[in-house]
Amino acid sequence: MGAVSIGRMMILKQFSPLPLSYVPYVLVPFLVTYQADFAYGTKCDRINRMATAIREEEDFWFNEPLELPEILKEPYFKMMEETNKQLKDMNKPPEKHWAK
Protein backbone atom coordinates (compact mmCIF):
# COMPACT_ATOMS: atom_id res chain seq x y z
CA MET A 1 0.00 0.00 0.00
CA GLY A 2 2.81 2.33 0.81
CA ALA A 3 4.38 1.93 -2.62
CA VAL A 4 1.04 2.59 -4.29
CA SER A 5 0.55 5.73 -2.19
CA ILE A 6 4.04 7.00 -3.02
CA GLY A 7 3.42 6.30 -6.71
CA ARG A 8 0.16 8.28 -6.59
CA MET A 9 1.92 11.15 -4.81
CA MET A 10 4.60 11.31 -7.50
CA ILE A 11 2.10 11.22 -10.35
CA LEU A 12 -0.57 13.52 -8.89
CA LYS A 13 1.93 15.84 -7.12
CA GLN A 14 -0.20 15.84 -3.98
CA PHE A 15 -0.33 13.79 -0.82
CA SER A 16 -3.49 11.78 -0.35
CA PRO A 17 -3.08 8.22 0.91
CA LEU A 18 -5.26 5.51 -0.54
CA PRO A 19 -8.65 5.23 1.14
CA LEU A 20 -9.14 2.51 3.71
CA SER A 21 -11.62 0.79 1.41
CA TYR A 22 -8.72 -0.11 -0.94
CA VAL A 23 -7.01 -2.27 1.70
CA PRO A 24 -8.78 -5.53 0.70
CA TYR A 25 -7.71 -5.07 -2.93
CA VAL A 26 -4.09 -4.93 -1.87
CA LEU A 27 -4.04 -7.21 1.17
CA VAL A 28 -6.12 -10.17 -0.07
CA PRO A 29 -3.96 -11.02 -3.13
CA PHE A 30 -0.85 -10.83 -0.95
CA LEU A 31 -2.33 -13.20 1.65
CA VAL A 32 -3.66 -15.64 -0.96
CA THR A 33 -0.30 -15.91 -2.73
CA TYR A 34 1.43 -16.30 0.64
CA GLN A 35 -0.89 -19.18 1.57
CA ALA A 36 -0.56 -20.76 -1.89
CA ASP A 37 3.20 -20.71 -1.40
CA PHE A 38 2.80 -22.77 1.77
CA ALA A 39 0.42 -25.17 0.02
CA TYR A 40 3.19 -26.25 -2.34
CA GLY A 41 5.85 -26.63 0.35
CA THR A 42 8.56 -24.38 1.65
CA LYS A 43 11.08 -22.52 -0.47
CA CYS A 44 13.74 -25.08 0.53
CA ASP A 45 11.55 -27.87 -0.87
CA ARG A 46 11.08 -25.99 -4.15
CA ILE A 47 14.81 -25.30 -4.49
CA ASN A 48 15.59 -28.96 -3.79
CA ARG A 49 13.09 -30.12 -6.45
CA MET A 50 14.50 -27.67 -8.98
CA ALA A 51 18.10 -28.68 -8.26
CA THR A 52 17.21 -32.36 -8.60
CA ALA A 53 15.47 -31.73 -11.91
CA ILE A 54 18.47 -29.78 -13.21
CA ARG A 55 20.90 -32.54 -12.21
CA GLU A 56 18.74 -35.26 -13.76
CA GLU A 57 17.98 -33.40 -16.99
CA GLU A 58 21.18 -33.46 -19.03
CA ASP A 59 20.08 -30.92 -21.64
CA PHE A 60 19.01 -28.15 -19.27
CA TRP A 61 19.43 -24.70 -20.86
CA PHE A 62 22.64 -23.79 -19.03
CA ASN A 63 24.22 -27.21 -19.57
CA GLU A 64 24.54 -26.53 -23.29
CA PRO A 65 27.87 -25.26 -24.66
CA LEU A 66 28.24 -21.48 -24.80
CA GLU A 67 28.96 -19.65 -28.03
CA LEU A 68 32.23 -17.80 -27.42
CA PRO A 69 33.23 -14.59 -29.18
CA GLU A 70 36.07 -14.99 -31.68
CA ILE A 71 38.59 -13.23 -29.44
CA LEU A 72 38.10 -15.80 -26.65
CA LYS A 73 38.10 -18.97 -28.74
CA GLU A 74 41.89 -19.34 -29.04
CA PRO A 75 42.61 -18.90 -25.28
CA TYR A 76 39.70 -21.20 -24.42
CA PHE A 77 40.88 -24.04 -26.65
CA LYS A 78 44.44 -23.57 -25.41
CA MET A 79 43.28 -23.73 -21.79
CA MET A 80 41.15 -26.82 -22.45
CA GLU A 81 44.04 -28.54 -24.21
CA GLU A 82 46.37 -27.88 -21.27
CA THR A 83 43.77 -28.97 -18.73
CA ASN A 84 42.97 -32.19 -20.57
CA LYS A 85 46.68 -32.95 -20.93
CA GLN A 86 47.11 -32.58 -17.17
CA LEU A 87 44.06 -34.77 -16.55
CA LYS A 88 45.42 -37.40 -18.93
CA ASP A 89 48.75 -37.37 -17.05
CA MET A 90 46.79 -38.02 -13.82
CA ASN A 91 44.90 -40.91 -15.50
CA LYS A 92 41.59 -39.06 -15.33
CA PRO A 93 39.05 -38.62 -18.13
CA PRO A 94 39.23 -35.35 -20.10
CA GLU A 95 36.72 -32.58 -19.52
CA LYS A 96 34.06 -32.09 -22.13
CA HIS A 97 33.89 -28.71 -23.82
CA TRP A 98 31.52 -26.21 -22.24
CA ALA A 99 31.92 -23.69 -25.05
CA LYS A 100 32.09 -23.82 -28.82
PDB file of N, CA and C in Angstrom:
ATOM      1  N   MET A   1       0.829  -1.184   0.000  1.00  0.00           N
ATOM      2  CA  MET A   1       0.000   0.000   0.000  1.00  0.00           C
ATOM      3  C   MET A   1       0.870   1.243   0.000  1.00  0.00           C
ATOM      4  N   GLY A   2       1.945   1.173   0.737  1.00  0.00           N
ATOM      5  CA  GLY A   2       2.811   2.332   0.812  1.00  0.00           C
ATOM      6  C   GLY A   2       3.399   2.689  -0.540  1.00  0.00           C
ATOM      7  N   ALA A   3       3.810   1.671  -1.300  1.00  0.00           N
ATOM      8  CA  ALA A   3       4.384   1.925  -2.620  1.00  0.00           C
ATOM      9  C   ALA A   3       3.341   2.526  -3.556  1.00  0.00           C
ATOM     10  N   VAL A   4       2.117   2.040  -3.454  1.00  0.00           N
ATOM     11  CA  VAL A   4       1.044   2.587  -4.289  1.00  0.00           C
ATOM     12  C   VAL A   4       0.782   4.036  -3.928  1.00  0.00           C
ATOM     13  N   SER A   5       0.778   4.350  -2.630  1.00  0.00           N
ATOM     14  CA  SER A   5       0.551   5.733  -2.193  1.00  0.00           C
ATOM     15  C   SER A   5       1.678   6.645  -2.666  1.00  0.00           C
ATOM     16  N   ILE A   6       2.905   6.180  -2.569  1.00  0.00           N
ATOM     17  CA  ILE A   6       4.042   6.995  -3.024  1.00  0.00           C
ATOM     18  C   ILE A   6       3.955   7.223  -4.531  1.00  0.00           C
ATOM     19  N   GLY A   7       3.588   6.155  -5.268  1.00  0.00           N
ATOM     20  CA  GLY A   7       3.419   6.303  -6.712  1.00  0.00           C
ATOM     21  C   GLY A   7       2.347   7.333  -7.053  1.00  0.00           C
ATOM     22  N   ARG A   8       1.235   7.293  -6.350  1.00  0.00           N
ATOM     23  CA  ARG A   8       0.163   8.277  -6.588  1.00  0.00           C
ATOM     24  C   ARG A   8       0.647   9.687  -6.263  1.00  0.00           C
ATOM     25  N   MET A   9       1.420   9.824  -5.179  1.00  0.00           N
ATOM     26  CA  MET A   9       1.924  11.151  -4.812  1.00  0.00           C
ATOM     27  C   MET A   9       2.836  11.690  -5.900  1.00  0.00           C
ATOM     28  N   MET A  10       3.669  10.837  -6.476  1.00  0.00           N
ATOM     29  CA  MET A  10       4.603  11.310  -7.495  1.00  0.00           C
ATOM     30  C   MET A  10       3.870  11.696  -8.780  1.00  0.00           C
ATOM     31  N   ILE A  11       2.828  10.937  -9.121  1.00  0.00           N
ATOM     32  CA  ILE A  11       2.095  11.224 -10.349  1.00  0.00           C
ATOM     33  C   ILE A  11       1.182  12.427 -10.184  1.00  0.00           C
ATOM     34  N   LEU A  12       0.426  12.460  -9.094  1.00  0.00           N
ATOM     35  CA  LEU A  12      -0.567  13.522  -8.893  1.00  0.00           C
ATOM     36  C   LEU A  12       0.021  14.783  -8.253  1.00  0.00           C
ATOM     37  N   LYS A  13       1.236  14.718  -7.765  1.00  0.00           N
ATOM     38  CA  LYS A  13       1.926  15.842  -7.122  1.00  0.00           C
ATOM     39  C   LYS A  13       1.158  16.373  -5.909  1.00  0.00           C
ATOM     40  N   GLN A  14       0.470  15.469  -5.220  1.00  0.00           N
ATOM     41  CA  GLN A  14      -0.203  15.839  -3.980  1.00  0.00           C
ATOM     42  C   GLN A  14      -0.215  14.638  -3.060  1.00  0.00           C
ATOM     43  N   PHE A  15      -0.311  14.888  -1.775  1.00  0.00           N
ATOM     44  CA  PHE A  15      -0.335  13.795  -0.816  1.00  0.00           C
ATOM     45  C   PHE A  15      -1.767  13.475  -0.440  1.00  0.00           C
ATOM     46  N   SER A  16      -2.193  12.279  -0.809  1.00  0.00           N
ATOM     47  CA  SER A  16      -3.494  11.779  -0.349  1.00  0.00           C
ATOM     48  C   SER A  16      -3.384  10.259  -0.345  1.00  0.00           C
ATOM     49  N   PRO A  17      -3.234   9.675   0.845  1.00  0.00           N
ATOM     50  CA  PRO A  17      -3.081   8.222   0.912  1.00  0.00           C
ATOM     51  C   PRO A  17      -4.319   7.515   0.368  1.00  0.00           C
ATOM     52  N   LEU A  18      -4.135   6.273  -0.028  1.00  0.00           N
ATOM     53  CA  LEU A  18      -5.262   5.506  -0.535  1.00  0.00           C
ATOM     54  C   LEU A  18      -6.325   5.361   0.543  1.00  0.00           C
ATOM     55  N   PRO A  19      -7.580   5.406   0.157  1.00  0.00           N
ATOM     56  CA  PRO A  19      -8.655   5.235   1.144  1.00  0.00           C
ATOM     57  C   PRO A  19      -8.598   3.858   1.784  1.00  0.00           C
ATOM     58  N   LEU A  20      -9.146   3.758   2.967  1.00  0.00           N
ATOM     59  CA  LEU A  20      -9.145   2.509   3.714  1.00  0.00           C
ATOM     60  C   LEU A  20      -9.913   1.412   2.977  1.00  0.00           C
ATOM     61  N   SER A  21     -10.841   1.789   2.141  1.00  0.00           N
ATOM     62  CA  SER A  21     -11.625   0.791   1.414  1.00  0.00           C
ATOM     63  C   SER A  21     -10.783   0.056   0.359  1.00  0.00           C
ATOM     64  N   TYR A  22      -9.588   0.547   0.037  1.00  0.00           N
ATOM     65  CA  TYR A  22      -8.719  -0.114  -0.942  1.00  0.00           C
ATOM     66  C   TYR A  22      -7.872  -1.221  -0.315  1.00  0.00           C
ATOM     67  N   VAL A  23      -7.855  -1.293   1.012  1.00  0.00           N
ATOM     68  CA  VAL A  23      -7.012  -2.271   1.702  1.00  0.00           C
ATOM     69  C   VAL A  23      -7.301  -3.705   1.247  1.00  0.00           C
ATOM     70  N   PRO A  24      -8.557  -4.143   1.132  1.00  0.00           N
ATOM     71  CA  PRO A  24      -8.782  -5.527   0.698  1.00  0.00           C
ATOM     72  C   PRO A  24      -8.228  -5.826  -0.693  1.00  0.00           C
ATOM     73  N   TYR A  25      -8.220  -4.850  -1.579  1.00  0.00           N
ATOM     74  CA  TYR A  25      -7.711  -5.068  -2.931  1.00  0.00           C
ATOM     75  C   TYR A  25      -6.202  -5.279  -2.959  1.00  0.00           C
ATOM     76  N   VAL A  26      -5.535  -4.771  -1.953  1.00  0.00           N
ATOM     77  CA  VAL A  26      -4.088  -4.932  -1.874  1.00  0.00           C
ATOM     78  C   VAL A  26      -3.716  -6.103  -0.967  1.00  0.00           C
ATOM     79  N   LEU A  27      -4.396  -6.232   0.154  1.00  0.00           N
ATOM     80  CA  LEU A  27      -4.040  -7.213   1.166  1.00  0.00           C
ATOM     81  C   LEU A  27      -4.443  -8.638   0.789  1.00  0.00           C
ATOM     82  N   VAL A  28      -5.635  -8.825   0.238  1.00  0.00           N
ATOM     83  CA  VAL A  28      -6.122 -10.173  -0.068  1.00  0.00           C
ATOM     84  C   VAL A  28      -5.230 -10.896  -1.088  1.00  0.00           C
ATOM     85  N   PRO A  29      -4.856 -10.291  -2.212  1.00  0.00           N
ATOM     86  CA  PRO A  29      -3.957 -11.017  -3.132  1.00  0.00           C
ATOM     87  C   PRO A  29      -2.627 -11.396  -2.487  1.00  0.00           C
ATOM     88  N   PHE A  30      -2.100 -10.522  -1.643  1.00  0.00           N
ATOM     89  CA  PHE A  30      -0.854 -10.834  -0.950  1.00  0.00           C
ATOM     90  C   PHE A  30      -1.030 -12.042  -0.048  1.00  0.00           C
ATOM     91  N   LEU A  31      -2.102 -12.078   0.736  1.00  0.00           N
ATOM     92  CA  LEU A  31      -2.333 -13.196   1.646  1.00  0.00           C
ATOM     93  C   LEU A  31      -2.603 -14.495   0.888  1.00  0.00           C
ATOM     94  N   VAL A  32      -3.348 -14.430  -0.194  1.00  0.00           N
ATOM     95  CA  VAL A  32      -3.659 -15.636  -0.963  1.00  0.00           C
ATOM     96  C   VAL A  32      -2.382 -16.220  -1.572  1.00  0.00           C
ATOM     97  N   THR A  33      -1.537 -15.389  -2.146  1.00  0.00           N
ATOM     98  CA  THR A  33      -0.296 -15.908  -2.729  1.00  0.00           C
ATOM     99  C   THR A  33       0.628 -16.451  -1.642  1.00  0.00           C
ATOM    100  N   TYR A  34       0.621 -15.820  -0.472  1.00  0.00           N
ATOM    101  CA  TYR A  34       1.433 -16.303   0.643  1.00  0.00           C
ATOM    102  C   TYR A  34       0.964 -17.683   1.079  1.00  0.00           C
ATOM    103  N   GLN A  35      -0.347 -17.886   1.173  1.00  0.00           N
ATOM    104  CA  GLN A  35      -0.894 -19.182   1.572  1.00  0.00           C
ATOM    105  C   GLN A  35      -0.681 -20.228   0.479  1.00  0.00           C
ATOM    106  N   ALA A  36      -0.793 -19.826  -0.779  1.00  0.00           N
ATOM    107  CA  ALA A  36      -0.558 -20.758  -1.888  1.00  0.00           C
ATOM    108  C   ALA A  36       0.893 -21.223  -1.886  1.00  0.00           C
ATOM    109  N   ASP A  37       1.786 -20.339  -1.493  1.00  0.00           N
ATOM    110  CA  ASP A  37       3.196 -20.705  -1.399  1.00  0.00           C
ATOM    111  C   ASP A  37       3.376 -21.821  -0.376  1.00  0.00           C
ATOM    112  N   PHE A  38       2.704 -21.725   0.754  1.00  0.00           N
ATOM    113  CA  PHE A  38       2.802 -22.770   1.771  1.00  0.00           C
ATOM    114  C   PHE A  38       2.138 -24.069   1.317  1.00  0.00           C
ATOM    115  N   ALA A  39       1.118 -23.976   0.482  1.00  0.00           N
ATOM    116  CA  ALA A  39       0.419 -25.169   0.018  1.00  0.00           C
ATOM    117  C   ALA A  39       1.330 -26.060  -0.807  1.00  0.00           C
ATOM    118  N   TYR A  40       2.295 -25.478  -1.489  1.00  0.00           N
ATOM    119  CA  TYR A  40       3.192 -26.252  -2.337  1.00  0.00           C
ATOM    120  C   TYR A  40       4.526 -26.521  -1.670  1.00  0.00           C
ATOM    121  N   GLY A  41       4.625 -26.350  -0.374  1.00  0.00           N
ATOM    122  CA  GLY A  41       5.852 -26.632   0.352  1.00  0.00           C
ATOM    123  C   GLY A  41       6.648 -25.364   0.602  1.00  0.00           C
ATOM    124  N   THR A  42       7.728 -25.536   1.312  1.00  0.00           N
ATOM    125  CA  THR A  42       8.555 -24.385   1.647  1.00  0.00           C
ATOM    126  C   THR A  42       9.487 -24.055   0.483  1.00  0.00           C
ATOM    127  N   LYS A  43      10.149 -22.926   0.586  1.00  0.00           N
ATOM    128  CA  LYS A  43      11.084 -22.523  -0.465  1.00  0.00           C
ATOM    129  C   LYS A  43      12.230 -23.523  -0.573  1.00  0.00           C
ATOM    130  N   CYS A  44      12.665 -24.067   0.551  1.00  0.00           N
ATOM    131  CA  CYS A  44      13.739 -25.077   0.530  1.00  0.00           C
ATOM    132  C   CYS A  44      13.308 -26.297  -0.269  1.00  0.00           C
ATOM    133  N   ASP A  45      12.053 -26.719  -0.098  1.00  0.00           N
ATOM    134  CA  ASP A  45      11.553 -27.867  -0.869  1.00  0.00           C
ATOM    135  C   ASP A  45      11.562 -27.562  -2.359  1.00  0.00           C
ATOM    136  N   ARG A  46      11.111 -26.365  -2.736  1.00  0.00           N
ATOM    137  CA  ARG A  46      11.078 -25.993  -4.150  1.00  0.00           C
ATOM    138  C   ARG A  46      12.484 -25.945  -4.737  1.00  0.00           C
ATOM    139  N   ILE A  47      13.431 -25.381  -4.004  1.00  0.00           N
ATOM    140  CA  ILE A  47      14.811 -25.304  -4.492  1.00  0.00           C
ATOM    141  C   ILE A  47      15.389 -26.705  -4.657  1.00  0.00           C
ATOM    142  N   ASN A  48      15.100 -27.591  -3.703  1.00  0.00           N
ATOM    143  CA  ASN A  48      15.586 -28.961  -3.786  1.00  0.00           C
ATOM    144  C   ASN A  48      15.004 -29.669  -5.005  1.00  0.00           C
ATOM    145  N   ARG A  49      13.702 -29.498  -5.263  1.00  0.00           N
ATOM    146  CA  ARG A  49      13.092 -30.122  -6.446  1.00  0.00           C
ATOM    147  C   ARG A  49      13.695 -29.575  -7.730  1.00  0.00           C
ATOM    148  N   MET A  50      13.925 -28.265  -7.776  1.00  0.00           N
ATOM    149  CA  MET A  50      14.503 -27.669  -8.982  1.00  0.00           C
ATOM    150  C   MET A  50      15.929 -28.164  -9.198  1.00  0.00           C
ATOM    151  N   ALA A  51      16.717 -28.221  -8.135  1.00  0.00           N
ATOM    152  CA  ALA A  51      18.103 -28.679  -8.260  1.00  0.00           C
ATOM    153  C   ALA A  51      18.152 -30.136  -8.709  1.00  0.00           C
ATOM    154  N   THR A  52      17.263 -30.955  -8.189  1.00  0.00           N
ATOM    155  CA  THR A  52      17.212 -32.360  -8.597  1.00  0.00           C
ATOM    156  C   THR A  52      16.853 -32.477 -10.068  1.00  0.00           C
ATOM    157  N   ALA A  53      15.873 -31.693 -10.497  1.00  0.00           N
ATOM    158  CA  ALA A  53      15.469 -31.729 -11.908  1.00  0.00           C
ATOM    159  C   ALA A  53      16.606 -31.281 -12.815  1.00  0.00           C
ATOM    160  N   ILE A  54      17.360 -30.273 -12.399  1.00  0.00           N
ATOM    161  CA  ILE A  54      18.471 -29.776 -13.213  1.00  0.00           C
ATOM    162  C   ILE A  54      19.565 -30.838 -13.313  1.00  0.00           C
ATOM    163  N   ARG A  55      19.854 -31.501 -12.182  1.00  0.00           N
ATOM    164  CA  ARG A  55      20.897 -32.535 -12.212  1.00  0.00           C
ATOM    165  C   ARG A  55      20.486 -33.733 -13.067  1.00  0.00           C
ATOM    166  N   GLU A  56      19.208 -34.084 -13.019  1.00  0.00           N
ATOM    167  CA  GLU A  56      18.742 -35.257 -13.764  1.00  0.00           C
ATOM    168  C   GLU A  56      18.561 -34.973 -15.250  1.00  0.00           C
ATOM    169  N   GLU A  57      18.220 -33.748 -15.587  1.00  0.00           N
ATOM    170  CA  GLU A  57      17.977 -33.404 -16.988  1.00  0.00           C
ATOM    171  C   GLU A  57      19.276 -32.924 -17.620  1.00  0.00           C
ATOM    172  N   GLU A  58      19.859 -33.743 -18.459  1.00  0.00           N
ATOM    173  CA  GLU A  58      21.179 -33.458 -19.028  1.00  0.00           C
ATOM    174  C   GLU A  58      21.172 -32.235 -19.939  1.00  0.00           C
ATOM    175  N   ASP A  59      20.091 -32.019 -20.666  1.00  0.00           N
ATOM    176  CA  ASP A  59      20.082 -30.919 -21.635  1.00  0.00           C
ATOM    177  C   ASP A  59      19.353 -29.682 -21.101  1.00  0.00           C
ATOM    178  N   PHE A  60      19.579 -29.358 -19.830  1.00  0.00           N
ATOM    179  CA  PHE A  60      19.011 -28.146 -19.269  1.00  0.00           C
ATOM    180  C   PHE A  60      19.655 -26.952 -19.960  1.00  0.00           C
ATOM    181  N   TRP A  61      18.977 -25.803 -20.010  1.00  0.00           N
ATOM    182  CA  TRP A  61      19.432 -24.702 -20.862  1.00  0.00           C
ATOM    183  C   TRP A  61      20.838 -24.213 -20.538  1.00  0.00           C
ATOM    184  N   PHE A  62      21.288 -24.274 -19.301  1.00  0.00           N
ATOM    185  CA  PHE A  62      22.644 -23.795 -19.034  1.00  0.00           C
ATOM    186  C   PHE A  62      23.671 -24.916 -19.040  1.00  0.00           C
ATOM    187  N   ASN A  63      23.260 -26.124 -19.391  1.00  0.00           N
ATOM    188  CA  ASN A  63      24.222 -27.210 -19.568  1.00  0.00           C
ATOM    189  C   ASN A  63      24.700 -27.307 -21.008  1.00  0.00           C
ATOM    190  N   GLU A  64      24.134 -26.507 -21.896  1.00  0.00           N
ATOM    191  CA  GLU A  64      24.543 -26.528 -23.293  1.00  0.00           C
ATOM    192  C   GLU A  64      25.822 -25.700 -23.458  1.00  0.00           C
ATOM    193  N   PRO A  65      26.643 -26.036 -24.440  1.00  0.00           N
ATOM    194  CA  PRO A  65      27.870 -25.261 -24.661  1.00  0.00           C
ATOM    195  C   PRO A  65      27.560 -23.803 -25.027  1.00  0.00           C
ATOM    196  N   LEU A  66      28.384 -22.908 -24.505  1.00  0.00           N
ATOM    197  CA  LEU A  66      28.237 -21.485 -24.797  1.00  0.00           C
ATOM    198  C   LEU A  66      28.858 -21.145 -26.145  1.00  0.00           C
ATOM    199  N   GLU A  67      28.358 -20.133 -26.780  1.00  0.00           N
ATOM    200  CA  GLU A  67      28.957 -19.645 -28.028  1.00  0.00           C
ATOM    201  C   GLU A  67      29.930 -18.522 -27.649  1.00  0.00           C
ATOM    202  N   LEU A  68      31.212 -18.781 -27.800  1.00  0.00           N
ATOM    203  CA  LEU A  68      32.230 -17.802 -27.420  1.00  0.00           C
ATOM    204  C   LEU A  68      32.462 -16.787 -28.531  1.00  0.00           C
ATOM    205  N   PRO A  69      32.812 -15.551 -28.157  1.00  0.00           N
ATOM    206  CA  PRO A  69      33.234 -14.592 -29.178  1.00  0.00           C
ATOM    207  C   PRO A  69      34.577 -15.028 -29.771  1.00  0.00           C
ATOM    208  N   GLU A  70      34.848 -14.571 -30.964  1.00  0.00           N
ATOM    209  CA  GLU A  70      36.071 -14.994 -31.677  1.00  0.00           C
ATOM    210  C   GLU A  70      37.333 -14.715 -30.877  1.00  0.00           C
ATOM    211  N   ILE A  71      37.367 -13.612 -30.171  1.00  0.00           N
ATOM    212  CA  ILE A  71      38.588 -13.227 -29.444  1.00  0.00           C
ATOM    213  C   ILE A  71      38.894 -14.195 -28.294  1.00  0.00           C
ATOM    214  N   LEU A  72      37.882 -14.887 -27.781  1.00  0.00           N
ATOM    215  CA  LEU A  72      38.100 -15.801 -26.653  1.00  0.00           C
ATOM    216  C   LEU A  72      38.286 -17.255 -27.073  1.00  0.00           C
ATOM    217  N   LYS A  73      38.034 -17.570 -28.315  1.00  0.00           N
ATOM    218  CA  LYS A  73      38.098 -18.973 -28.738  1.00  0.00           C
ATOM    219  C   LYS A  73      39.513 -19.552 -28.622  1.00  0.00           C
ATOM    220  N   GLU A  74      40.520 -18.823 -29.089  1.00  0.00           N
ATOM    221  CA  GLU A  74      41.887 -19.342 -29.039  1.00  0.00           C
ATOM    222  C   GLU A  74      42.347 -19.597 -27.599  1.00  0.00           C
ATOM    223  N   PRO A  75      42.192 -18.613 -26.668  1.00  0.00           N
ATOM    224  CA  PRO A  75      42.607 -18.897 -25.275  1.00  0.00           C
ATOM    225  C   PRO A  75      41.799 -20.038 -24.644  1.00  0.00           C
ATOM    226  N   TYR A  76      40.524 -20.129 -24.986  1.00  0.00           N
ATOM    227  CA  TYR A  76      39.704 -21.204 -24.421  1.00  0.00           C
ATOM    228  C   TYR A  76      40.215 -22.568 -24.859  1.00  0.00           C
ATOM    229  N   PHE A  77      40.423 -22.744 -26.167  1.00  0.00           N
ATOM    230  CA  PHE A  77      40.882 -24.043 -26.649  1.00  0.00           C
ATOM    231  C   PHE A  77      42.280 -24.376 -26.132  1.00  0.00           C
ATOM    232  N   LYS A  78      43.111 -23.353 -25.978  1.00  0.00           N
ATOM    233  CA  LYS A  78      44.445 -23.574 -25.414  1.00  0.00           C
ATOM    234  C   LYS A  78      44.338 -24.035 -23.955  1.00  0.00           C
ATOM    235  N   MET A  79      43.475 -23.368 -23.193  1.00  0.00           N
ATOM    236  CA  MET A  79      43.283 -23.729 -21.794  1.00  0.00           C
ATOM    237  C   MET A  79      42.729 -25.152 -21.669  1.00  0.00           C
ATOM    238  N   MET A  80      41.732 -25.480 -22.512  1.00  0.00           N
ATOM    239  CA  MET A  80      41.146 -26.821 -22.455  1.00  0.00           C
ATOM    240  C   MET A  80      42.173 -27.890 -22.837  1.00  0.00           C
ATOM    241  N   GLU A  81      43.005 -27.589 -23.801  1.00  0.00           N
ATOM    242  CA  GLU A  81      44.043 -28.544 -24.210  1.00  0.00           C
ATOM    243  C   GLU A  81      45.015 -28.803 -23.065  1.00  0.00           C
ATOM    244  N   GLU A  82      45.448 -27.726 -22.398  1.00  0.00           N
ATOM    245  CA  GLU A  82      46.370 -27.880 -21.268  1.00  0.00           C
ATOM    246  C   GLU A  82      45.718 -28.643 -20.119  1.00  0.00           C
ATOM    247  N   THR A  83      44.479 -28.307 -19.831  1.00  0.00           N
ATOM    248  CA  THR A  83      43.767 -28.970 -18.734  1.00  0.00           C
ATOM    249  C   THR A  83      43.592 -30.460 -19.024  1.00  0.00           C
ATOM    250  N   ASN A  84      43.183 -30.780 -20.232  1.00  0.00           N
ATOM    251  CA  ASN A  84      42.975 -32.185 -20.573  1.00  0.00           C
ATOM    252  C   ASN A  84      44.287 -32.963 -20.608  1.00  0.00           C
ATOM    253  N   LYS A  85      45.363 -32.286 -20.963  1.00  0.00           N
ATOM    254  CA  LYS A  85      46.677 -32.950 -20.931  1.00  0.00           C
ATOM    255  C   LYS A  85      47.058 -33.284 -19.488  1.00  0.00           C
ATOM    256  N   GLN A  86      46.820 -32.330 -18.578  1.00  0.00           N
ATOM    257  CA  GLN A  86      47.112 -32.582 -17.166  1.00  0.00           C
ATOM    258  C   GLN A  86      46.226 -33.702 -16.619  1.00  0.00           C
ATOM    259  N   LEU A  87      44.958 -33.710 -17.009  1.00  0.00           N
ATOM    260  CA  LEU A  87      44.061 -34.772 -16.548  1.00  0.00           C
ATOM    261  C   LEU A  87      44.497 -36.129 -17.093  1.00  0.00           C
ATOM    262  N   LYS A  88      44.949 -36.144 -18.326  1.00  0.00           N
ATOM    263  CA  LYS A  88      45.420 -37.395 -18.930  1.00  0.00           C
ATOM    264  C   LYS A  88      46.653 -37.902 -18.191  1.00  0.00           C
ATOM    265  N   ASP A  89      47.557 -36.976 -17.809  1.00  0.00           N
ATOM    266  CA  ASP A  89      48.747 -37.369 -17.050  1.00  0.00           C
ATOM    267  C   ASP A  89      48.385 -37.945 -15.679  1.00  0.00           C
ATOM    268  N   MET A  90      47.251 -37.524 -15.128  1.00  0.00           N
ATOM    269  CA  MET A  90      46.792 -38.019 -13.822  1.00  0.00           C
ATOM    270  C   MET A  90      45.871 -39.228 -13.975  1.00  0.00           C
ATOM    271  N   ASN A  91      45.753 -39.763 -15.204  1.00  0.00           N
ATOM    272  CA  ASN A  91      44.899 -40.905 -15.504  1.00  0.00           C
ATOM    273  C   ASN A  91      43.427 -40.636 -15.194  1.00  0.00           C
ATOM    274  N   LYS A  92      42.995 -39.428 -15.504  1.00  0.00           N
ATOM    275  CA  LYS A  92      41.587 -39.061 -15.326  1.00  0.00           C
ATOM    276  C   LYS A  92      40.989 -38.765 -16.700  1.00  0.00           C
ATOM    277  N   PRO A  93      39.669 -38.902 -16.824  1.00  0.00           N
ATOM    278  CA  PRO A  93      39.050 -38.617 -18.127  1.00  0.00           C
ATOM    279  C   PRO A  93      39.098 -37.127 -18.450  1.00  0.00           C
ATOM    280  N   PRO A  94      39.187 -36.765 -19.733  1.00  0.00           N
ATOM    281  CA  PRO A  94      39.225 -35.345 -20.098  1.00  0.00           C
ATOM    282  C   PRO A  94      37.880 -34.665 -19.872  1.00  0.00           C
ATOM    283  N   GLU A  95      37.945 -33.367 -19.675  1.00  0.00           N
ATOM    284  CA  GLU A  95      36.718 -32.582 -19.523  1.00  0.00           C
ATOM    285  C   GLU A  95      36.051 -32.400 -20.878  1.00  0.00           C
ATOM    286  N   LYS A  96      34.732 -32.385 -20.873  1.00  0.00           N
ATOM    287  CA  LYS A  96      34.064 -32.091 -22.133  1.00  0.00           C
ATOM    288  C   LYS A  96      33.992 -30.580 -22.311  1.00  0.00           C
ATOM    289  N   HIS A  97      33.913 -30.144 -23.537  1.00  0.00           N
ATOM    290  CA  HIS A  97      33.891 -28.706 -23.824  1.00  0.00           C
ATOM    291  C   HIS A  97      32.593 -28.068 -23.355  1.00  0.00           C
ATOM    292  N   TRP A  98      32.703 -26.936 -22.689  1.00  0.00           N
ATOM    293  CA  TRP A  98      31.521 -26.212 -22.237  1.00  0.00           C
ATOM    294  C   TRP A  98      31.281 -24.979 -23.105  1.00  0.00           C
ATOM    295  N   ALA A  99      32.085 -24.800 -24.118  1.00  0.00           N
ATOM    296  CA  ALA A  99      31.917 -23.690 -25.053  1.00  0.00           C
ATOM    297  C   ALA A  99      32.271 -24.177 -26.443  1.00  0.00           C
ATOM    298  N   LYS A 100      31.766 -23.451 -27.429  1.00  0.00           N
ATOM    299  CA  LYS A 100      32.085 -23.819 -28.823  1.00  0.00           C
ATOM    300  C   LYS A 100      32.476 -22.594 -29.597  1.00  0.00           C
TER     301      LYS A 100
END
